[in-house]
Amino acid sequence: MDFQAFFDQYGALLAMGTWETIVMSVVSTLGAYVLGIPLGVALVLTNPDGLKPHRVLNTVLGWIVNMGRSIPFIILLVVLIPVTRLVMGTSLGVPGAVFPLIVAAAPFVARMVEQSIAEVDAGLIEAAQSFGASTWQIVCKVFLTESLPSLIRGFAITFITLFGYTAMAGVVGAGGLGDIAIRYGYQRYQDDVMVATLIITVILVQAVQSSCNFAVRKIDKRK
C-alpha cells in the first residue's frame, strides 16, 4: 500500500471527518452534562431519603429519565428530525446531530450523576448540615465536589458512548468518521479507508479515556 498516495487522496477527508466527530462528541457531551447534572441532583434531593424529599416529583423525574434511556438512539434520531429542524435550523450535518445526541445522553448522565452523588459519605453531609450549610451549599461543596472523580469517569463513559452514536448519526447525513466509513468503507468496498477510520477512532477513544483517568488520579483525595 502506498501510504503517501493514500494520504494525498484521503488525508483531508479523514481530517475533516475526525474534526466533525470530535466537535459532535465534545459539544453533545457538554450539553448533556449541562442538562444531566441538575436533573441528577434533583433526583437525589427529592428522593425519600434526600434533603428535599418529594415523592411525586421524584417519580415524575425518574419516569422521564427512564423513558429517555429506553429509546434506541437511531429511532430517537429519526423521531426528533422535525424538532431538530425547529431548534437547530437543520437536521443535517454537525448541527443536526448535536441536538439529538444531547437529548439521548442527558438522561444517561442524570443517572450517572445520581449514582456518583450516592457514593458521597453521608457523614460529610451531616457535618455540613451541623454547620448550618444551606441545600445549595451542600449541593455545590459536598455533592459535586466530593463526587468529582466519579463525575469525570462518567464524562469519559459519556463521551465514548456519544462518539459511537455519531457513527449512527452519519447514516442520516451528520458527517464525521461514521459517514466516511459507511460511504467509502462499506458502500464502495474501500477497506483501506475503513481501516483508517477504525485506527483514528481507537486513538481518540484511548486518548480521552487516558486523559480522564489521569485527571481522576490527580484530584481523587481518597488515593
N, C-alpha and C. Protein backbone atom coordinates (compact mmCIF):
# COMPACT_ATOMS: atom_id res chain seq x y z
N MET A 1 0.83 -1.20 0.00
CA MET A 1 0.00 0.00 0.00
C MET A 1 0.87 1.25 0.00
N ASP A 2 0.56 2.19 -0.88
CA ASP A 2 1.29 3.44 -0.97
C ASP A 2 0.66 4.44 0.01
N PHE A 3 1.29 4.60 1.16
CA PHE A 3 0.71 5.45 2.20
C PHE A 3 0.68 6.92 1.78
N GLN A 4 1.69 7.34 1.02
CA GLN A 4 1.72 8.73 0.58
C GLN A 4 0.56 9.04 -0.36
N ALA A 5 0.31 8.11 -1.30
CA ALA A 5 -0.80 8.29 -2.23
C ALA A 5 -2.14 8.26 -1.48
N PHE A 6 -2.25 7.35 -0.51
CA PHE A 6 -3.48 7.27 0.28
C PHE A 6 -3.71 8.56 1.06
N PHE A 7 -2.65 9.08 1.67
CA PHE A 7 -2.78 10.32 2.44
C PHE A 7 -3.14 11.49 1.54
N ASP A 8 -2.51 11.55 0.36
CA ASP A 8 -2.82 12.63 -0.56
C ASP A 8 -4.28 12.60 -1.01
N GLN A 9 -4.82 11.40 -1.17
CA GLN A 9 -6.18 11.26 -1.67
C GLN A 9 -7.24 11.42 -0.57
N TYR A 10 -6.95 10.86 0.61
CA TYR A 10 -7.97 10.82 1.66
C TYR A 10 -7.61 11.58 2.93
N GLY A 11 -6.41 12.14 2.99
CA GLY A 11 -5.98 12.82 4.21
C GLY A 11 -6.90 13.95 4.64
N ALA A 12 -7.23 14.82 3.71
CA ALA A 12 -8.10 15.96 4.03
C ALA A 12 -9.50 15.49 4.43
N LEU A 13 -10.00 14.46 3.74
CA LEU A 13 -11.32 13.91 4.06
C LEU A 13 -11.35 13.34 5.47
N LEU A 14 -10.33 12.56 5.82
CA LEU A 14 -10.28 11.95 7.15
C LEU A 14 -10.07 13.01 8.23
N ALA A 15 -9.28 14.04 7.93
CA ALA A 15 -9.07 15.12 8.90
C ALA A 15 -10.38 15.85 9.18
N MET A 16 -11.14 16.14 8.13
CA MET A 16 -12.43 16.81 8.31
C MET A 16 -13.40 15.92 9.07
N GLY A 17 -13.43 14.63 8.72
CA GLY A 17 -14.31 13.70 9.43
C GLY A 17 -13.96 13.58 10.90
N THR A 18 -12.65 13.56 11.18
CA THR A 18 -12.20 13.48 12.57
C THR A 18 -12.62 14.72 13.35
N TRP A 19 -12.43 15.89 12.74
CA TRP A 19 -12.82 17.14 13.39
C TRP A 19 -14.33 17.18 13.64
N GLU A 20 -15.12 16.79 12.66
CA GLU A 20 -16.58 16.78 12.83
C GLU A 20 -17.00 15.84 13.95
N THR A 21 -16.37 14.67 14.02
CA THR A 21 -16.70 13.71 15.07
C THR A 21 -16.33 14.25 16.45
N ILE A 22 -15.16 14.88 16.56
CA ILE A 22 -14.74 15.46 17.84
C ILE A 22 -15.70 16.56 18.27
N VAL A 23 -16.07 17.44 17.34
CA VAL A 23 -16.99 18.54 17.66
C VAL A 23 -18.33 17.99 18.13
N MET A 24 -18.89 17.02 17.39
CA MET A 24 -20.17 16.44 17.79
C MET A 24 -20.09 15.81 19.17
N SER A 25 -19.01 15.07 19.43
CA SER A 25 -18.87 14.36 20.70
C SER A 25 -18.68 15.31 21.87
N VAL A 26 -17.79 16.30 21.69
CA VAL A 26 -17.50 17.24 22.78
C VAL A 26 -18.70 18.11 23.10
N VAL A 27 -19.29 18.73 22.07
CA VAL A 27 -20.42 19.63 22.29
C VAL A 27 -21.61 18.90 22.90
N SER A 28 -21.90 17.72 22.38
CA SER A 28 -23.05 16.96 22.89
C SER A 28 -22.79 16.45 24.31
N THR A 29 -21.55 16.08 24.63
CA THR A 29 -21.23 15.65 25.99
C THR A 29 -21.38 16.79 26.98
N LEU A 30 -20.86 17.96 26.62
CA LEU A 30 -21.01 19.14 27.49
C LEU A 30 -22.48 19.51 27.64
N GLY A 31 -23.22 19.49 26.53
CA GLY A 31 -24.65 19.80 26.60
C GLY A 31 -25.40 18.81 27.46
N ALA A 32 -25.05 17.53 27.35
CA ALA A 32 -25.70 16.50 28.16
C ALA A 32 -25.42 16.71 29.64
N TYR A 33 -24.22 17.17 29.99
CA TYR A 33 -23.90 17.43 31.39
C TYR A 33 -24.59 18.68 31.91
N VAL A 34 -24.76 19.68 31.05
CA VAL A 34 -25.49 20.89 31.45
C VAL A 34 -26.92 20.54 31.85
N LEU A 35 -27.53 19.62 31.12
CA LEU A 35 -28.88 19.17 31.46
C LEU A 35 -28.89 18.06 32.50
N GLY A 36 -27.93 17.16 32.41
CA GLY A 36 -27.93 15.97 33.25
C GLY A 36 -27.57 16.21 34.70
N ILE A 37 -26.65 17.15 34.96
CA ILE A 37 -26.25 17.41 36.35
C ILE A 37 -27.42 17.96 37.18
N PRO A 38 -28.12 19.01 36.72
CA PRO A 38 -29.28 19.47 37.52
C PRO A 38 -30.35 18.39 37.69
N LEU A 39 -30.56 17.60 36.64
CA LEU A 39 -31.56 16.54 36.72
C LEU A 39 -31.14 15.47 37.72
N GLY A 40 -29.87 15.09 37.68
CA GLY A 40 -29.36 14.10 38.63
C GLY A 40 -29.40 14.59 40.06
N VAL A 41 -29.04 15.86 40.26
CA VAL A 41 -29.09 16.45 41.60
C VAL A 41 -30.53 16.49 42.10
N ALA A 42 -31.46 16.84 41.20
CA ALA A 42 -32.87 16.88 41.59
C ALA A 42 -33.38 15.50 42.00
N LEU A 43 -32.91 14.46 41.32
CA LEU A 43 -33.31 13.11 41.69
C LEU A 43 -32.81 12.76 43.10
N VAL A 44 -31.60 13.20 43.42
CA VAL A 44 -31.04 12.93 44.75
C VAL A 44 -31.78 13.73 45.83
N LEU A 45 -32.02 15.00 45.57
CA LEU A 45 -32.65 15.87 46.57
C LEU A 45 -34.08 15.45 46.87
N THR A 46 -34.82 15.04 45.83
CA THR A 46 -36.24 14.70 46.01
C THR A 46 -36.47 13.25 46.38
N ASN A 47 -35.39 12.49 46.49
CA ASN A 47 -35.50 11.11 46.93
C ASN A 47 -36.11 11.07 48.35
N PRO A 48 -36.87 10.02 48.69
CA PRO A 48 -37.46 9.95 50.04
C PRO A 48 -36.46 10.16 51.17
N ASP A 49 -35.19 9.79 50.94
CA ASP A 49 -34.16 9.99 51.95
C ASP A 49 -33.31 11.23 51.67
N GLY A 50 -33.73 12.06 50.70
CA GLY A 50 -32.95 13.22 50.31
C GLY A 50 -33.17 14.43 51.20
N LEU A 51 -32.50 15.51 50.84
CA LEU A 51 -32.60 16.73 51.64
C LEU A 51 -33.93 17.44 51.45
N LYS A 52 -34.55 17.27 50.29
CA LYS A 52 -35.84 17.87 49.98
C LYS A 52 -36.78 16.80 49.43
N PRO A 53 -37.18 15.84 50.22
CA PRO A 53 -37.98 14.72 49.72
C PRO A 53 -39.30 15.17 49.10
N HIS A 54 -39.57 14.64 47.92
CA HIS A 54 -40.83 14.96 47.23
C HIS A 54 -41.15 13.76 46.34
N ARG A 55 -41.98 12.87 46.84
CA ARG A 55 -42.21 11.59 46.18
C ARG A 55 -42.75 11.75 44.75
N VAL A 56 -43.72 12.64 44.58
CA VAL A 56 -44.34 12.81 43.26
C VAL A 56 -43.33 13.33 42.25
N LEU A 57 -42.61 14.40 42.60
CA LEU A 57 -41.63 14.98 41.69
C LEU A 57 -40.53 13.97 41.37
N ASN A 58 -40.08 13.24 42.38
CA ASN A 58 -39.04 12.24 42.17
C ASN A 58 -39.51 11.15 41.22
N THR A 59 -40.76 10.74 41.38
CA THR A 59 -41.31 9.71 40.49
C THR A 59 -41.41 10.21 39.06
N VAL A 60 -41.88 11.45 38.89
CA VAL A 60 -42.01 12.04 37.55
C VAL A 60 -40.64 12.16 36.88
N LEU A 61 -39.66 12.68 37.62
CA LEU A 61 -38.31 12.81 37.07
C LEU A 61 -37.73 11.44 36.72
N GLY A 62 -37.97 10.46 37.59
CA GLY A 62 -37.48 9.11 37.32
C GLY A 62 -38.08 8.53 36.05
N TRP A 63 -39.38 8.75 35.85
CA TRP A 63 -40.04 8.26 34.64
C TRP A 63 -39.47 8.94 33.40
N ILE A 64 -39.24 10.25 33.48
CA ILE A 64 -38.68 10.97 32.34
C ILE A 64 -37.30 10.43 31.97
N VAL A 65 -36.48 10.24 32.98
CA VAL A 65 -35.13 9.72 32.75
C VAL A 65 -35.18 8.31 32.18
N ASN A 66 -36.02 7.46 32.73
CA ASN A 66 -36.11 6.09 32.26
C ASN A 66 -36.64 6.00 30.83
N MET A 67 -37.62 6.84 30.50
CA MET A 67 -38.14 6.85 29.14
C MET A 67 -37.08 7.31 28.15
N GLY A 68 -36.32 8.33 28.55
CA GLY A 68 -35.26 8.82 27.68
C GLY A 68 -34.19 7.77 27.42
N ARG A 69 -33.89 6.98 28.43
CA ARG A 69 -32.85 5.94 28.29
C ARG A 69 -33.35 4.71 27.53
N SER A 70 -34.66 4.55 27.44
CA SER A 70 -35.21 3.33 26.84
C SER A 70 -35.32 3.38 25.32
N ILE A 71 -35.20 4.58 24.72
CA ILE A 71 -35.37 4.72 23.28
C ILE A 71 -34.04 4.53 22.57
N PRO A 72 -33.94 3.56 21.65
CA PRO A 72 -32.70 3.39 20.89
C PRO A 72 -32.35 4.66 20.13
N PHE A 73 -31.05 4.99 20.06
CA PHE A 73 -30.64 6.27 19.51
C PHE A 73 -31.06 6.46 18.05
N ILE A 74 -30.95 5.42 17.25
CA ILE A 74 -31.27 5.56 15.83
C ILE A 74 -32.75 5.91 15.65
N ILE A 75 -33.62 5.37 16.53
CA ILE A 75 -35.05 5.71 16.47
C ILE A 75 -35.26 7.14 16.95
N LEU A 76 -34.61 7.50 18.05
CA LEU A 76 -34.72 8.86 18.58
C LEU A 76 -34.24 9.88 17.55
N LEU A 77 -33.18 9.54 16.85
CA LEU A 77 -32.61 10.43 15.84
C LEU A 77 -33.63 10.77 14.76
N VAL A 78 -34.35 9.76 14.31
CA VAL A 78 -35.35 9.95 13.26
C VAL A 78 -36.58 10.68 13.81
N VAL A 79 -37.04 10.27 14.99
CA VAL A 79 -38.23 10.88 15.58
C VAL A 79 -38.03 12.37 15.83
N LEU A 80 -36.81 12.76 16.20
CA LEU A 80 -36.54 14.15 16.56
C LEU A 80 -36.23 15.04 15.36
N ILE A 81 -36.24 14.51 14.16
CA ILE A 81 -35.88 15.32 12.98
C ILE A 81 -36.69 16.62 12.90
N PRO A 82 -38.02 16.58 13.04
CA PRO A 82 -38.78 17.85 12.97
C PRO A 82 -38.38 18.83 14.08
N VAL A 83 -38.17 18.31 15.30
CA VAL A 83 -37.78 19.17 16.42
C VAL A 83 -36.37 19.72 16.20
N THR A 84 -35.49 18.87 15.68
CA THR A 84 -34.12 19.30 15.41
C THR A 84 -34.10 20.44 14.39
N ARG A 85 -34.92 20.32 13.35
CA ARG A 85 -35.02 21.40 12.36
C ARG A 85 -35.50 22.70 13.00
N LEU A 86 -36.45 22.57 13.93
CA LEU A 86 -37.00 23.74 14.60
C LEU A 86 -35.98 24.40 15.51
N VAL A 87 -35.24 23.58 16.25
CA VAL A 87 -34.29 24.11 17.24
C VAL A 87 -32.98 24.56 16.60
N MET A 88 -32.44 23.72 15.70
CA MET A 88 -31.12 23.97 15.13
C MET A 88 -31.17 24.63 13.75
N GLY A 89 -32.34 24.63 13.12
CA GLY A 89 -32.45 25.19 11.79
C GLY A 89 -32.16 24.21 10.68
N THR A 90 -31.67 23.03 11.03
CA THR A 90 -31.37 21.97 10.07
C THR A 90 -31.32 20.64 10.79
N SER A 91 -31.54 19.57 10.04
CA SER A 91 -31.40 18.23 10.61
C SER A 91 -30.20 17.51 10.00
N LEU A 92 -29.38 18.23 9.25
CA LEU A 92 -28.22 17.65 8.58
C LEU A 92 -26.92 18.22 9.16
N GLY A 93 -25.84 17.52 8.89
CA GLY A 93 -24.54 17.99 9.31
C GLY A 93 -24.35 17.93 10.82
N VAL A 94 -23.27 18.55 11.28
CA VAL A 94 -22.94 18.55 12.71
C VAL A 94 -24.04 19.19 13.56
N PRO A 95 -24.58 20.37 13.17
CA PRO A 95 -25.65 20.97 14.00
C PRO A 95 -26.87 20.06 14.13
N GLY A 96 -27.20 19.35 13.06
CA GLY A 96 -28.35 18.46 13.09
C GLY A 96 -28.15 17.23 13.95
N ALA A 97 -26.90 16.89 14.23
CA ALA A 97 -26.62 15.72 15.06
C ALA A 97 -26.51 16.06 16.54
N VAL A 98 -26.05 17.27 16.84
CA VAL A 98 -25.77 17.64 18.23
C VAL A 98 -27.03 17.59 19.10
N PHE A 99 -28.14 18.13 18.60
CA PHE A 99 -29.35 18.18 19.42
C PHE A 99 -29.85 16.78 19.82
N PRO A 100 -30.04 15.84 18.88
CA PRO A 100 -30.48 14.51 19.31
C PRO A 100 -29.45 13.78 20.17
N LEU A 101 -28.17 14.06 19.96
CA LEU A 101 -27.14 13.45 20.80
C LEU A 101 -27.29 13.93 22.25
N ILE A 102 -27.55 15.21 22.43
CA ILE A 102 -27.74 15.75 23.79
C ILE A 102 -28.98 15.15 24.43
N VAL A 103 -30.08 15.09 23.66
CA VAL A 103 -31.32 14.53 24.19
C VAL A 103 -31.13 13.07 24.59
N ALA A 104 -30.37 12.32 23.80
CA ALA A 104 -30.13 10.91 24.10
C ALA A 104 -29.26 10.72 25.32
N ALA A 105 -28.28 11.61 25.51
CA ALA A 105 -27.29 11.41 26.58
C ALA A 105 -27.70 12.01 27.92
N ALA A 106 -28.52 13.05 27.91
CA ALA A 106 -28.86 13.74 29.16
C ALA A 106 -29.47 12.81 30.22
N PRO A 107 -30.44 11.94 29.87
CA PRO A 107 -30.97 11.02 30.89
C PRO A 107 -29.92 10.05 31.42
N PHE A 108 -29.04 9.60 30.53
CA PHE A 108 -27.95 8.72 30.91
C PHE A 108 -27.03 9.41 31.90
N VAL A 109 -26.69 10.67 31.62
CA VAL A 109 -25.84 11.45 32.52
C VAL A 109 -26.53 11.66 33.86
N ALA A 110 -27.83 11.93 33.83
CA ALA A 110 -28.58 12.17 35.07
C ALA A 110 -28.47 10.97 36.01
N ARG A 111 -28.59 9.77 35.48
CA ARG A 111 -28.47 8.58 36.33
C ARG A 111 -27.04 8.41 36.84
N MET A 112 -26.05 8.72 36.02
CA MET A 112 -24.67 8.61 36.48
C MET A 112 -24.37 9.62 37.57
N VAL A 113 -24.91 10.83 37.43
CA VAL A 113 -24.73 11.85 38.46
C VAL A 113 -25.40 11.41 39.76
N GLU A 114 -26.60 10.86 39.63
CA GLU A 114 -27.31 10.36 40.80
C GLU A 114 -26.49 9.29 41.53
N GLN A 115 -25.93 8.36 40.78
CA GLN A 115 -25.12 7.30 41.39
C GLN A 115 -23.82 7.84 41.98
N SER A 116 -23.23 8.82 41.30
CA SER A 116 -21.98 9.41 41.81
C SER A 116 -22.21 10.10 43.15
N ILE A 117 -23.31 10.86 43.24
CA ILE A 117 -23.62 11.57 44.49
C ILE A 117 -23.98 10.58 45.60
N ALA A 118 -24.60 9.47 45.21
CA ALA A 118 -24.98 8.46 46.20
C ALA A 118 -23.76 7.85 46.89
N GLU A 119 -22.59 7.94 46.23
CA GLU A 119 -21.36 7.38 46.79
C GLU A 119 -20.72 8.32 47.82
N VAL A 120 -21.21 9.56 47.91
CA VAL A 120 -20.63 10.53 48.85
C VAL A 120 -20.91 10.08 50.28
N ASP A 121 -19.91 10.19 51.13
CA ASP A 121 -20.02 9.79 52.53
C ASP A 121 -21.12 10.58 53.23
N ALA A 122 -22.08 9.87 53.80
CA ALA A 122 -23.19 10.52 54.49
C ALA A 122 -22.70 11.38 55.66
N GLY A 123 -21.56 11.01 56.23
CA GLY A 123 -21.01 11.77 57.35
C GLY A 123 -20.65 13.20 56.95
N LEU A 124 -20.18 13.36 55.71
CA LEU A 124 -19.85 14.70 55.23
C LEU A 124 -21.09 15.57 55.10
N ILE A 125 -22.18 14.96 54.65
CA ILE A 125 -23.44 15.70 54.51
C ILE A 125 -23.96 16.11 55.89
N GLU A 126 -23.90 15.19 56.84
CA GLU A 126 -24.36 15.50 58.20
C GLU A 126 -23.49 16.59 58.83
N ALA A 127 -22.19 16.54 58.55
CA ALA A 127 -21.29 17.57 59.10
C ALA A 127 -21.62 18.93 58.53
N ALA A 128 -21.89 18.98 57.22
CA ALA A 128 -22.25 20.25 56.59
C ALA A 128 -23.56 20.79 57.16
N GLN A 129 -24.51 19.90 57.39
CA GLN A 129 -25.79 20.33 57.97
C GLN A 129 -25.61 20.86 59.39
N SER A 130 -24.72 20.22 60.14
CA SER A 130 -24.49 20.66 61.53
C SER A 130 -23.86 22.04 61.60
N PHE A 131 -23.15 22.44 60.53
CA PHE A 131 -22.55 23.77 60.47
C PHE A 131 -23.51 24.79 59.86
N GLY A 132 -24.74 24.36 59.58
CA GLY A 132 -25.75 25.28 59.07
C GLY A 132 -25.69 25.54 57.57
N ALA A 133 -25.07 24.65 56.83
CA ALA A 133 -24.97 24.83 55.38
C ALA A 133 -26.35 24.72 54.74
N SER A 134 -26.59 25.56 53.76
CA SER A 134 -27.86 25.51 53.03
C SER A 134 -27.84 24.35 52.04
N THR A 135 -29.01 24.06 51.49
CA THR A 135 -29.10 22.98 50.50
C THR A 135 -28.19 23.27 49.31
N TRP A 136 -28.20 24.52 48.86
CA TRP A 136 -27.37 24.91 47.72
C TRP A 136 -25.88 24.71 48.04
N GLN A 137 -25.47 25.09 49.24
CA GLN A 137 -24.07 24.91 49.64
C GLN A 137 -23.70 23.44 49.72
N ILE A 138 -24.60 22.62 50.22
CA ILE A 138 -24.34 21.18 50.29
C ILE A 138 -24.20 20.59 48.89
N VAL A 139 -25.07 21.03 47.97
CA VAL A 139 -25.00 20.54 46.59
C VAL A 139 -23.66 20.89 45.96
N CYS A 140 -23.25 22.15 46.11
CA CYS A 140 -22.03 22.62 45.43
C CYS A 140 -20.75 22.15 46.12
N LYS A 141 -20.72 22.23 47.46
CA LYS A 141 -19.48 21.99 48.18
C LYS A 141 -19.32 20.57 48.70
N VAL A 142 -20.41 19.82 48.71
CA VAL A 142 -20.32 18.42 49.18
C VAL A 142 -20.65 17.46 48.04
N PHE A 143 -21.87 17.55 47.54
CA PHE A 143 -22.30 16.61 46.50
C PHE A 143 -21.36 16.63 45.29
N LEU A 144 -21.25 17.79 44.65
CA LEU A 144 -20.50 17.87 43.40
C LEU A 144 -18.99 17.81 43.62
N THR A 145 -18.53 18.44 44.69
CA THR A 145 -17.08 18.43 44.95
C THR A 145 -16.57 17.04 45.29
N GLU A 146 -17.26 16.35 46.19
CA GLU A 146 -16.81 15.03 46.62
C GLU A 146 -17.02 13.96 45.55
N SER A 147 -17.98 14.17 44.67
CA SER A 147 -18.24 13.17 43.63
C SER A 147 -17.52 13.48 42.33
N LEU A 148 -16.66 14.50 42.34
CA LEU A 148 -15.99 14.93 41.11
C LEU A 148 -15.20 13.81 40.42
N PRO A 149 -14.41 13.00 41.14
CA PRO A 149 -13.72 11.91 40.45
C PRO A 149 -14.66 10.97 39.71
N SER A 150 -15.78 10.63 40.35
CA SER A 150 -16.76 9.76 39.71
C SER A 150 -17.41 10.45 38.52
N LEU A 151 -17.65 11.76 38.63
CA LEU A 151 -18.24 12.51 37.52
C LEU A 151 -17.30 12.56 36.32
N ILE A 152 -16.01 12.65 36.58
CA ILE A 152 -15.04 12.66 35.48
C ILE A 152 -15.00 11.30 34.79
N ARG A 153 -15.06 10.24 35.58
CA ARG A 153 -15.14 8.91 34.97
C ARG A 153 -16.40 8.80 34.11
N GLY A 154 -17.50 9.35 34.62
CA GLY A 154 -18.73 9.35 33.85
C GLY A 154 -18.63 10.16 32.59
N PHE A 155 -17.84 11.25 32.64
CA PHE A 155 -17.63 12.07 31.45
C PHE A 155 -16.96 11.25 30.35
N ALA A 156 -15.96 10.45 30.73
CA ALA A 156 -15.28 9.61 29.75
C ALA A 156 -16.24 8.59 29.15
N ILE A 157 -17.06 7.98 29.99
CA ILE A 157 -18.03 6.99 29.50
C ILE A 157 -19.02 7.65 28.55
N THR A 158 -19.51 8.83 28.93
CA THR A 158 -20.48 9.53 28.10
C THR A 158 -19.88 9.93 26.77
N PHE A 159 -18.68 10.50 26.81
CA PHE A 159 -18.01 10.92 25.57
C PHE A 159 -17.82 9.76 24.62
N ILE A 160 -17.33 8.65 25.14
CA ILE A 160 -17.06 7.49 24.30
C ILE A 160 -18.36 6.90 23.75
N THR A 161 -19.41 6.90 24.57
CA THR A 161 -20.71 6.42 24.10
C THR A 161 -21.23 7.30 22.96
N LEU A 162 -21.17 8.62 23.15
CA LEU A 162 -21.63 9.55 22.11
C LEU A 162 -20.73 9.49 20.89
N PHE A 163 -19.47 9.21 21.11
CA PHE A 163 -18.54 9.03 19.99
C PHE A 163 -19.05 7.91 19.08
N GLY A 164 -19.54 6.84 19.69
CA GLY A 164 -20.12 5.75 18.91
C GLY A 164 -21.44 6.15 18.27
N TYR A 165 -22.23 6.95 18.98
CA TYR A 165 -23.51 7.40 18.43
C TYR A 165 -23.32 8.26 17.18
N THR A 166 -22.21 9.00 17.11
CA THR A 166 -22.00 9.86 15.95
C THR A 166 -21.92 9.04 14.66
N ALA A 167 -21.47 7.79 14.78
CA ALA A 167 -21.43 6.93 13.59
C ALA A 167 -22.83 6.66 13.07
N MET A 168 -23.79 6.45 14.01
CA MET A 168 -25.18 6.26 13.59
C MET A 168 -25.76 7.55 13.03
N ALA A 169 -25.35 8.68 13.59
CA ALA A 169 -25.81 9.96 13.07
C ALA A 169 -25.32 10.17 11.64
N GLY A 170 -24.16 9.59 11.32
CA GLY A 170 -23.63 9.70 9.97
C GLY A 170 -24.53 9.06 8.94
N VAL A 171 -25.36 8.12 9.36
CA VAL A 171 -26.29 7.45 8.43
C VAL A 171 -27.29 8.44 7.86
N VAL A 172 -27.66 9.46 8.64
CA VAL A 172 -28.65 10.44 8.18
C VAL A 172 -28.00 11.76 7.79
N GLY A 173 -26.73 11.71 7.44
CA GLY A 173 -26.08 12.89 6.89
C GLY A 173 -25.41 13.81 7.87
N ALA A 174 -25.02 13.28 9.03
CA ALA A 174 -24.38 14.14 10.04
C ALA A 174 -22.90 14.36 9.77
N GLY A 175 -22.31 13.57 8.88
CA GLY A 175 -20.88 13.69 8.63
C GLY A 175 -20.07 12.92 9.66
N GLY A 176 -18.78 13.23 9.73
CA GLY A 176 -17.92 12.57 10.70
C GLY A 176 -17.32 11.27 10.18
N LEU A 177 -16.59 10.59 11.05
CA LEU A 177 -15.91 9.35 10.68
C LEU A 177 -16.91 8.25 10.33
N GLY A 178 -18.04 8.23 11.01
CA GLY A 178 -19.05 7.21 10.70
C GLY A 178 -19.55 7.34 9.29
N ASP A 179 -19.79 8.56 8.84
CA ASP A 179 -20.25 8.80 7.47
C ASP A 179 -19.21 8.36 6.47
N ILE A 180 -17.93 8.65 6.75
CA ILE A 180 -16.85 8.24 5.85
C ILE A 180 -16.74 6.73 5.79
N ALA A 181 -16.81 6.08 6.94
CA ALA A 181 -16.72 4.62 6.98
C ALA A 181 -17.85 3.97 6.19
N ILE A 182 -19.04 4.54 6.29
CA ILE A 182 -20.19 3.97 5.57
C ILE A 182 -20.09 4.21 4.07
N ARG A 183 -19.80 5.46 3.68
CA ARG A 183 -19.79 5.82 2.26
C ARG A 183 -18.62 5.20 1.50
N TYR A 184 -17.45 5.19 2.13
CA TYR A 184 -16.27 4.70 1.44
C TYR A 184 -15.96 3.25 1.80
N GLY A 185 -15.95 2.96 3.11
CA GLY A 185 -15.57 1.61 3.53
C GLY A 185 -16.61 0.57 3.22
N TYR A 186 -17.90 0.91 3.41
CA TYR A 186 -18.97 -0.08 3.23
C TYR A 186 -19.57 -0.05 1.83
N GLN A 187 -20.00 1.12 1.39
CA GLN A 187 -20.70 1.21 0.10
C GLN A 187 -19.76 1.07 -1.09
N ARG A 188 -18.51 1.50 -0.95
CA ARG A 188 -17.55 1.44 -2.07
C ARG A 188 -16.49 0.35 -1.89
N TYR A 189 -16.61 -0.40 -0.80
CA TYR A 189 -15.70 -1.52 -0.52
C TYR A 189 -14.24 -1.09 -0.47
N GLN A 190 -13.98 0.09 0.07
CA GLN A 190 -12.61 0.57 0.21
C GLN A 190 -12.13 0.25 1.63
N ASP A 191 -11.54 -0.93 1.75
CA ASP A 191 -11.13 -1.42 3.06
C ASP A 191 -10.07 -0.54 3.70
N ASP A 192 -9.23 0.10 2.89
CA ASP A 192 -8.18 0.94 3.45
C ASP A 192 -8.77 2.15 4.18
N VAL A 193 -9.83 2.72 3.65
CA VAL A 193 -10.49 3.84 4.32
C VAL A 193 -11.17 3.37 5.60
N MET A 194 -11.81 2.22 5.54
CA MET A 194 -12.45 1.65 6.73
C MET A 194 -11.44 1.43 7.84
N VAL A 195 -10.29 0.84 7.50
CA VAL A 195 -9.25 0.59 8.50
C VAL A 195 -8.72 1.90 9.07
N ALA A 196 -8.57 2.91 8.23
CA ALA A 196 -8.08 4.21 8.69
C ALA A 196 -9.04 4.84 9.69
N THR A 197 -10.34 4.76 9.42
CA THR A 197 -11.32 5.31 10.36
C THR A 197 -11.29 4.55 11.68
N LEU A 198 -11.09 3.24 11.61
CA LEU A 198 -11.02 2.44 12.84
C LEU A 198 -9.81 2.83 13.68
N ILE A 199 -8.67 3.02 13.03
CA ILE A 199 -7.44 3.39 13.74
C ILE A 199 -7.61 4.75 14.42
N ILE A 200 -8.16 5.71 13.69
CA ILE A 200 -8.38 7.05 14.26
C ILE A 200 -9.33 6.97 15.44
N THR A 201 -10.38 6.17 15.31
CA THR A 201 -11.36 6.02 16.38
C THR A 201 -10.71 5.46 17.64
N VAL A 202 -9.93 4.41 17.49
CA VAL A 202 -9.26 3.78 18.64
C VAL A 202 -8.32 4.77 19.32
N ILE A 203 -7.56 5.53 18.53
CA ILE A 203 -6.62 6.50 19.09
C ILE A 203 -7.36 7.57 19.89
N LEU A 204 -8.43 8.10 19.33
CA LEU A 204 -9.18 9.16 20.01
C LEU A 204 -9.81 8.66 21.32
N VAL A 205 -10.39 7.47 21.28
CA VAL A 205 -11.02 6.91 22.47
C VAL A 205 -9.97 6.66 23.56
N GLN A 206 -8.84 6.11 23.18
CA GLN A 206 -7.77 5.86 24.15
C GLN A 206 -7.27 7.17 24.75
N ALA A 207 -7.16 8.20 23.93
CA ALA A 207 -6.67 9.50 24.41
C ALA A 207 -7.63 10.09 25.43
N VAL A 208 -8.92 10.03 25.14
CA VAL A 208 -9.92 10.59 26.06
C VAL A 208 -9.94 9.81 27.36
N GLN A 209 -9.96 8.48 27.28
CA GLN A 209 -10.01 7.66 28.49
C GLN A 209 -8.75 7.85 29.34
N SER A 210 -7.60 7.90 28.71
CA SER A 210 -6.35 8.08 29.45
C SER A 210 -6.30 9.45 30.11
N SER A 211 -6.78 10.49 29.41
CA SER A 211 -6.79 11.84 29.98
C SER A 211 -7.70 11.91 31.20
N CYS A 212 -8.87 11.29 31.11
CA CYS A 212 -9.80 11.30 32.24
C CYS A 212 -9.25 10.50 33.42
N ASN A 213 -8.62 9.37 33.13
CA ASN A 213 -8.00 8.57 34.20
C ASN A 213 -6.91 9.37 34.91
N PHE A 214 -6.13 10.11 34.13
CA PHE A 214 -5.06 10.94 34.71
C PHE A 214 -5.66 12.02 35.59
N ALA A 215 -6.73 12.66 35.12
CA ALA A 215 -7.39 13.72 35.90
C ALA A 215 -7.95 13.16 37.21
N VAL A 216 -8.53 11.97 37.16
CA VAL A 216 -9.09 11.35 38.37
C VAL A 216 -7.99 11.07 39.38
N ARG A 217 -6.86 10.55 38.91
CA ARG A 217 -5.76 10.26 39.82
C ARG A 217 -5.24 11.52 40.50
N LYS A 218 -5.30 12.63 39.81
CA LYS A 218 -4.78 13.89 40.36
C LYS A 218 -5.71 14.50 41.41
N ILE A 219 -7.01 14.33 41.24
CA ILE A 219 -7.95 15.02 42.14
C ILE A 219 -8.60 14.12 43.18
N ASP A 220 -8.47 12.81 43.03
CA ASP A 220 -9.13 11.91 43.96
C ASP A 220 -8.41 11.94 45.31
N LYS A 221 -9.06 12.47 46.32
CA LYS A 221 -8.45 12.61 47.65
C LYS A 221 -8.36 11.29 48.40
N ARG A 222 -9.09 10.29 47.91
CA ARG A 222 -9.11 9.00 48.61
C ARG A 222 -7.89 8.15 48.28
N LYS A 223 -7.05 8.62 47.34
CA LYS A 223 -5.88 7.83 46.95
C LYS A 223 -4.60 8.55 47.32
